Protein backbone atom coordinates (compact mmCIF):
# COMPACT_ATOMS: atom_id res chain seq x y z
CA MET A 1 0.00 0.00 0.00
CA SER A 2 1.36 3.40 -0.87
CA HIS A 3 1.49 6.07 1.82
CA ALA A 4 0.12 8.55 -0.71
CA ALA A 5 -3.05 6.47 -1.02
CA ALA A 6 -3.59 6.01 2.72
CA PHE A 7 -2.41 9.42 3.86
CA SER A 8 -3.59 11.78 1.17
CA ARG A 9 -4.10 15.43 2.05
CA GLY A 10 -6.78 16.07 4.63
CA LEU A 11 -8.32 13.26 6.60
CA VAL A 12 -6.42 10.00 7.03
CA ARG A 13 -7.99 6.78 5.77
CA LEU A 14 -8.03 4.46 8.79
CA THR A 15 -6.71 1.25 7.25
CA GLY A 16 -5.32 -1.67 9.23
CA GLU A 17 -1.81 -0.43 8.49
CA CYS A 18 -2.65 3.09 9.65
CA TRP A 19 -4.27 1.76 12.86
CA ALA A 20 -1.14 -0.31 13.56
CA ILE A 21 1.07 2.76 13.06
CA LEU A 22 -1.08 4.85 15.44
CA LYS A 23 -1.04 2.13 18.12
CA GLN A 24 2.70 1.50 17.77
CA ILE A 25 3.65 5.18 18.00
CA ASN A 26 1.23 5.91 20.86
CA GLN A 27 2.58 2.96 22.83
CA THR A 28 6.26 3.57 22.03
CA VAL A 29 6.15 7.27 22.95
CA ASN A 30 4.11 6.64 26.12
CA ARG A 31 6.74 4.12 27.26
CA SER A 32 9.84 6.03 26.15
CA ILE A 33 9.28 9.30 28.03
CA CYS A 34 9.31 9.34 31.83
CA PRO A 35 6.57 11.63 33.17
CA ASP A 36 7.88 14.89 34.58
CA GLY A 37 5.12 17.13 35.85
CA ALA A 38 7.53 19.69 37.32
CA GLU A 39 5.98 23.12 37.20
CA LEU A 40 7.88 25.63 35.11
CA SER A 41 7.72 28.75 37.22
CA SER A 42 9.91 31.53 35.92
CA ARG A 43 11.53 29.83 32.95
CA VAL A 44 10.06 29.65 29.47
CA GLU A 45 8.41 26.34 28.65
CA ALA A 46 10.06 24.34 25.88
CA TRP A 47 8.30 21.54 24.01
CA LEU A 48 10.81 18.80 23.23
CA ILE A 49 10.74 15.93 20.73
CA ASN A 50 11.99 12.58 22.10
CA PRO A 51 13.11 13.76 25.56
CA ASP A 52 13.99 11.26 28.29
CA ARG A 53 11.63 13.06 30.68
CA GLY A 54 8.73 15.30 29.83
CA ASP A 55 5.19 16.49 30.33
CA CYS A 56 2.09 16.06 28.18
CA ASN A 57 3.33 18.68 25.71
CA ASP A 58 6.45 16.62 24.99
CA TYR A 59 4.43 13.42 24.51
CA ALA A 60 2.01 15.13 22.10
CA VAL A 61 4.63 16.83 19.92
CA THR A 62 6.79 13.69 19.84
CA LYS A 63 3.83 11.62 18.62
CA ARG A 64 3.02 14.26 16.02
CA HIS A 65 6.64 14.33 14.82
CA LYS A 66 6.80 10.52 14.52
CA LEU A 67 3.51 10.36 12.63
CA LEU A 68 4.70 13.07 10.23
CA ASP A 69 7.82 10.93 9.64
CA ARG A 70 5.53 7.99 8.79
CA GLY A 71 3.76 10.03 6.11
CA LEU A 72 0.62 11.33 7.82
CA PRO A 73 -0.27 14.86 6.70
CA SER A 74 0.21 17.72 9.14
CA SER A 75 -3.39 18.82 8.47
CA ALA A 76 -4.60 15.58 10.13
CA LEU A 77 -2.41 15.91 13.25
CA LEU A 78 -3.82 18.52 15.59
CA LEU A 79 -2.79 19.44 19.11
CA GLY A 80 -5.70 19.81 21.51
CA GLU A 81 -5.91 21.36 24.95
CA VAL A 82 -8.26 19.75 27.45
CA VAL A 83 -8.93 19.93 31.18
CA THR A 84 -8.70 16.69 33.15
CA ARG A 85 -11.23 15.60 35.77
CA TRP A 86 -8.81 16.82 38.44
CA GLY A 87 -8.67 20.31 36.88
CA LYS A 88 -5.27 20.28 35.13
CA HIS A 89 -4.77 21.58 31.61
CA HIS A 90 -3.46 18.77 29.41
CA LEU A 91 -2.22 18.54 25.80
CA ILE A 92 -3.19 15.62 23.58
CA LEU A 93 -2.81 14.75 19.90
CA VAL A 94 -5.92 14.45 17.71
CA VAL A 95 -5.60 12.42 14.52
CA ARG A 96 -8.29 13.34 11.99
CA THR A 97 -9.44 10.26 10.08
CA ARG A 98 -12.23 9.60 7.61
CA SER A 99 -13.71 7.33 10.32
CA GLY A 100 -13.67 10.07 12.96
CA ASP A 101 -11.16 11.96 15.07
CA LEU A 102 -8.98 9.91 17.43
CA VAL A 103 -7.07 10.96 20.55
CA LEU A 104 -3.53 9.83 21.34
CA ASP A 105 -2.89 10.59 25.00
CA ASN A 106 -0.02 9.90 27.38
CA LEU A 107 -2.43 9.22 30.26
CA THR A 108 -3.82 6.06 28.64
CA PRO A 109 -2.58 3.41 26.23
CA ALA A 110 -6.03 3.32 24.56
CA ILE A 111 -6.68 5.37 21.42
CA LYS A 112 -10.21 6.73 21.71
CA PRO A 113 -12.63 8.78 19.61
CA TRP A 114 -12.45 12.44 20.65
CA ALA A 115 -16.00 12.39 22.05
CA ARG A 116 -15.20 9.46 24.38
CA VAL A 117 -12.28 10.94 26.30
CA PRO A 118 -13.02 12.01 29.89
CA TYR A 119 -11.97 15.62 29.42
CA ARG A 120 -13.47 19.06 28.97
CA TRP A 121 -12.26 20.44 25.65
CA VAL A 122 -10.71 23.91 25.70
CA ARG A 123 -9.24 24.46 22.25
CA ILE A 124 -7.76 22.69 19.27
CA GLN A 125 -5.15 23.71 16.77
CA MET A 126 -6.43 24.25 13.26
CA ARG A 127 -4.50 26.76 11.19
CA GLN A 128 -4.54 28.67 14.43
CA TRP A 129 -5.78 27.68 17.88
CA THR A 130 -9.59 27.58 18.00
CA THR A 131 -11.55 27.71 21.26
CA ILE A 132 -14.19 25.02 21.69
CA ALA A 133 -17.44 26.00 23.39
CA ASP A 134 -18.08 24.25 26.69
CA ARG A 135 -20.77 21.57 26.36
CA GLY A 136 -21.94 22.37 29.87
CA GLU A 137 -20.35 19.29 31.44
């Protein structure tokens, strides 16, 4: 199968090969970065690709980078900001597919549809960051 056929511009076609790539990268990145929730007080926050230790931002951008390397289009790989049940802002990666948008998250090994994650959505990156209206949850 050619990457051009599976990963044409826009939404990704969710083939068996694509699903395997998403699962492999989600799992590999989740296991390769040690969680580091240290608060960055006075220093500027840096988002790192493939760090040894990192926070949710580092997991999300590393997954995005690896998926870009595998041929997925940047237009289908969006960063999303959510609020967890315990009130912390959290960055996740949303993969836009023809079968629906999927969330790759460092807090779970499961890849879930965006509407089935236990978060309150704040905003998502499009061409620019776009605020999402609260659904009243």
